[in-house]
């Protein structure tokens, strides 16, 4: 019998179950469909909002933390599973001219390229 039941096999449910197992807990994970699909599949590892300057600084702080932690997570998953997550660090800039000043101010405030 498991100690903990995790409901949902998306990225958060899977990583929660992984952390619990690594801490010694017995875990059962249940998912209605196929694990790792739906929104987690559609997001494909994207760690930043498309227009980050439209969000609060707390969202930018969380995205920045995630971007720093993600390579180590991918490396650990590759070692544990033998499956290469194929991490590719890239960028995307979609800038509406009327948002130029807000975007540049955000980039400067968060020490991001473009400032």
C-alpha atoms as a PDB file:
ATOM      1  CA  UNK A   1       0.000   0.000   0.000  1.00  0.00           C
ATOM      2  CA  UNK A   2       1.256   3.480  -0.883  1.00  0.00           C
ATOM      3  CA  UNK A   3       1.834   6.283   1.572  1.00  0.00           C
ATOM      4  CA  UNK A   4       0.687   8.979  -0.846  1.00  0.00           C
ATOM      5  CA  UNK A   5      -1.707   9.239  -3.776  1.00  0.00           C
ATOM      6  CA  UNK A   6      -0.807  11.788  -6.476  1.00  0.00           C
ATOM      7  CA  UNK A   7      -3.696  12.676  -8.764  1.00  0.00           C
ATOM      8  CA  UNK A   8      -2.624  13.894 -12.189  1.00  0.00           C
ATOM      9  CA  UNK A   9       0.204  12.710 -14.406  1.00  0.00           C
ATOM     10  CA  UNK A  10       1.232  16.034 -15.904  1.00  0.00           C
ATOM     11  CA  UNK A  11       4.625  17.594 -15.291  1.00  0.00           C
ATOM     12  CA  UNK A  12       3.723  18.761 -11.771  1.00  0.00           C
ATOM     13  CA  UNK A  13       2.198  15.430 -10.735  1.00  0.00           C
ATOM     14  CA  UNK A  14       5.104  13.457 -12.183  1.00  0.00           C
ATOM     15  CA  UNK A  15       7.760  15.654 -10.570  1.00  0.00           C
ATOM     16  CA  UNK A  16       5.875  15.627  -7.259  1.00  0.00           C
ATOM     17  CA  UNK A  17       5.744  11.819  -7.337  1.00  0.00           C
ATOM     18  CA  UNK A  18       9.467  11.695  -8.213  1.00  0.00           C
ATOM     19  CA  UNK A  19      10.412  13.926  -5.271  1.00  0.00           C
ATOM     20  CA  UNK A  20       8.259  11.905  -2.883  1.00  0.00           C
ATOM     21  CA  UNK A  21       9.768   8.598  -4.045  1.00  0.00           C
ATOM     22  CA  UNK A  22      13.278  10.060  -3.700  1.00  0.00           C
ATOM     23  CA  UNK A  23      12.422  11.006  -0.114  1.00  0.00           C
ATOM     24  CA  UNK A  24      11.409   7.417   0.635  1.00  0.00           C
ATOM     25  CA  UNK A  25       7.636   7.607   0.328  1.00  0.00           C
ATOM     26  CA  UNK A  26       5.540   4.966  -1.374  1.00  0.00           C
ATOM     27  CA  UNK A  27       3.576   6.698  -4.138  1.00  0.00           C
ATOM     28  CA  UNK A  28       0.693   5.796  -6.389  1.00  0.00           C
ATOM     29  CA  UNK A  29       0.070   8.141  -9.310  1.00  0.00           C
ATOM     30  CA  UNK A  30      -3.255   8.139 -11.128  1.00  0.00           C
ATOM     31  CA  UNK A  31      -4.012   9.857 -14.418  1.00  0.00           C
ATOM     32  CA  UNK A  32      -7.222   9.872 -16.426  1.00  0.00           C
ATOM     33  CA  UNK A  33      -5.427   9.710 -19.764  1.00  0.00           C
ATOM     34  CA  UNK A  34      -1.829   9.182 -20.824  1.00  0.00           C
ATOM     35  CA  UNK A  35       0.822  10.537 -18.456  1.00  0.00           C
ATOM     36  CA  UNK A  36       2.802  13.566 -19.549  1.00  0.00           C
ATOM     37  CA  UNK A  37       0.298  14.622 -22.198  1.00  0.00           C
ATOM     38  CA  UNK A  38      -2.362  17.336 -22.356  1.00  0.00           C
ATOM     39  CA  UNK A  39      -1.092  20.760 -21.172  1.00  0.00           C
ATOM     40  CA  UNK A  40       2.351  19.420 -20.204  1.00  0.00           C
ATOM     41  CA  UNK A  41       2.797  18.002 -23.691  1.00  0.00           C
ATOM     42  CA  UNK A  42       1.518  21.164 -25.360  1.00  0.00           C
ATOM     43  CA  UNK A  43       3.833  23.362 -23.277  1.00  0.00           C
ATOM     44  CA  UNK A  44       6.828  21.353 -24.418  1.00  0.00           C
ATOM     45  CA  UNK A  45       9.138  22.688 -21.724  1.00  0.00           C
ATOM     46  CA  UNK A  46       8.409  26.377 -22.280  1.00  0.00           C
ATOM     47  CA  UNK A  47       9.387  28.142 -19.066  1.00  0.00           C
ATOM     48  CA  UNK A  48       8.469  31.755 -19.786  1.00  0.00           C
ATOM     49  CA  UNK A  49       5.277  33.575 -20.711  1.00  0.00           C
ATOM     50  CA  UNK A  50       5.130  34.801 -24.303  1.00  0.00           C
ATOM     51  CA  UNK A  51       4.810  38.437 -23.184  1.00  0.00           C
ATOM     52  CA  UNK A  52       6.530  38.440 -19.770  1.00  0.00           C
ATOM     53  CA  UNK A  53       6.184  42.213 -19.323  1.00  0.00           C
ATOM     54  CA  UNK A  54       2.408  41.746 -19.090  1.00  0.00           C
ATOM     55  CA  UNK A  55       2.790  39.750 -15.868  1.00  0.00           C
ATOM     56  CA  UNK A  56       3.804  40.609 -12.334  1.00  0.00           C
ATOM     57  CA  UNK A  57       7.437  40.469 -11.289  1.00  0.00           C
ATOM     58  CA  UNK A  58       6.593  37.358  -9.258  1.00  0.00           C
ATOM     59  CA  UNK A  59       5.887  35.468 -12.499  1.00  0.00           C
ATOM     60  CA  UNK A  60       9.216  36.641 -13.942  1.00  0.00           C
ATOM     61  CA  UNK A  61      11.015  35.562 -10.764  1.00  0.00           C
ATOM     62  CA  UNK A  62       9.435  32.100 -10.935  1.00  0.00           C
ATOM     63  CA  UNK A  63      10.255  31.765 -14.644  1.00  0.00           C
ATOM     64  CA  UNK A  64      13.877  32.797 -14.017  1.00  0.00           C
ATOM     65  CA  UNK A  65      14.213  30.254 -11.177  1.00  0.00           C
ATOM     66  CA  UNK A  66      12.735  27.556 -13.415  1.00  0.00           C
ATOM     67  CA  UNK A  67      15.094  28.430 -16.271  1.00  0.00           C
ATOM     68  CA  UNK A  68      18.077  28.047 -13.934  1.00  0.00           C
ATOM     69  CA  UNK A  69      16.858  24.756 -12.398  1.00  0.00           C
ATOM     70  CA  UNK A  70      15.685  23.089 -15.616  1.00  0.00           C
ATOM     71  CA  UNK A  71      19.079  21.985 -17.026  1.00  0.00           C
ATOM     72  CA  UNK A  72      19.931  20.139 -13.803  1.00  0.00           C
ATOM     73  CA  UNK A  73      16.504  18.485 -13.788  1.00  0.00           C
ATOM     74  CA  UNK A  74      16.955  17.365 -17.411  1.00  0.00           C
ATOM     75  CA  UNK A  75      20.392  15.957 -16.634  1.00  0.00           C
ATOM     76  CA  UNK A  76      19.031  14.042 -13.633  1.00  0.00           C
ATOM     77  CA  UNK A  77      16.133  12.634 -15.630  1.00  0.00           C
ATOM     78  CA  UNK A  78      18.520  11.506 -18.373  1.00  0.00           C
ATOM     79  CA  UNK A  79      20.737   9.711 -15.854  1.00  0.00           C
ATOM     80  CA  UNK A  80      17.763   8.100 -14.075  1.00  0.00           C
ATOM     81  CA  UNK A  81      15.813   7.009 -17.143  1.00  0.00           C
ATOM     82  CA  UNK A  82      18.306   6.824 -19.996  1.00  0.00           C
ATOM     83  CA  UNK A  83      15.983   9.105 -21.971  1.00  0.00           C
ATOM     84  CA  UNK A  84      17.516  12.340 -23.232  1.00  0.00           C
ATOM     85  CA  UNK A  85      15.053  15.223 -22.652  1.00  0.00           C
ATOM     86  CA  UNK A  86      16.780  17.001 -25.553  1.00  0.00           C
ATOM     87  CA  UNK A  87      17.012  20.339 -23.779  1.00  0.00           C
ATOM     88  CA  UNK A  88      17.605  23.193 -26.195  1.00  0.00           C
ATOM     89  CA  UNK A  89      18.013  26.677 -24.785  1.00  0.00           C
ATOM     90  CA  UNK A  90      16.604  29.194 -27.208  1.00  0.00           C
ATOM     91  CA  UNK A  91      14.692  32.413 -27.250  1.00  0.00           C
ATOM     92  CA  UNK A  92      11.737  34.004 -28.894  1.00  0.00           C
ATOM     93  CA  UNK A  93      10.932  37.649 -29.222  1.00  0.00           C
ATOM     94  CA  UNK A  94       7.465  38.698 -30.243  1.00  0.00           C
ATOM     95  CA  UNK A  95       7.187  42.436 -29.922  1.00  0.00           C
ATOM     96  CA  UNK A  96       4.250  44.577 -30.842  1.00  0.00           C
ATOM     97  CA  UNK A  97       5.553  48.082 -31.564  1.00  0.00           C
ATOM     98  CA  UNK A  98       3.143  49.665 -29.076  1.00  0.00           C
ATOM     99  CA  UNK A  99       4.628  47.464 -26.314  1.00  0.00           C
ATOM    100  CA  UNK A 100       8.262  48.303 -27.081  1.00  0.00           C
ATOM    101  CA  UNK A 101       8.796  50.560 -24.064  1.00  0.00           C
ATOM    102  CA  UNK A 102       7.157  48.116 -21.642  1.00  0.00           C
ATOM    103  CA  UNK A 103       9.209  45.223 -23.031  1.00  0.00           C
ATOM    104  CA  UNK A 104      12.494  47.112 -22.839  1.00  0.00           C
ATOM    105  CA  UNK A 105      11.733  48.275 -19.296  1.00  0.00           C
ATOM    106  CA  UNK A 106      10.998  44.671 -18.285  1.00  0.00           C
ATOM    107  CA  UNK A 107      14.240  43.451 -19.908  1.00  0.00           C
ATOM    108  CA  UNK A 108      16.261  46.100 -18.101  1.00  0.00           C
ATOM    109  CA  UNK A 109      14.590  45.436 -14.735  1.00  0.00           C
ATOM    110  CA  UNK A 110      15.228  41.687 -15.051  1.00  0.00           C
ATOM    111  CA  UNK A 111      18.695  41.921 -16.617  1.00  0.00           C
ATOM    112  CA  UNK A 112      17.597  40.122 -19.763  1.00  0.00           C
ATOM    113  CA  UNK A 113      18.911  40.533 -23.313  1.00  0.00           C
ATOM    114  CA  UNK A 114      17.486  43.523 -25.134  1.00  0.00           C
ATOM    115  CA  UNK A 115      17.888  45.957 -22.272  1.00  0.00           C
END
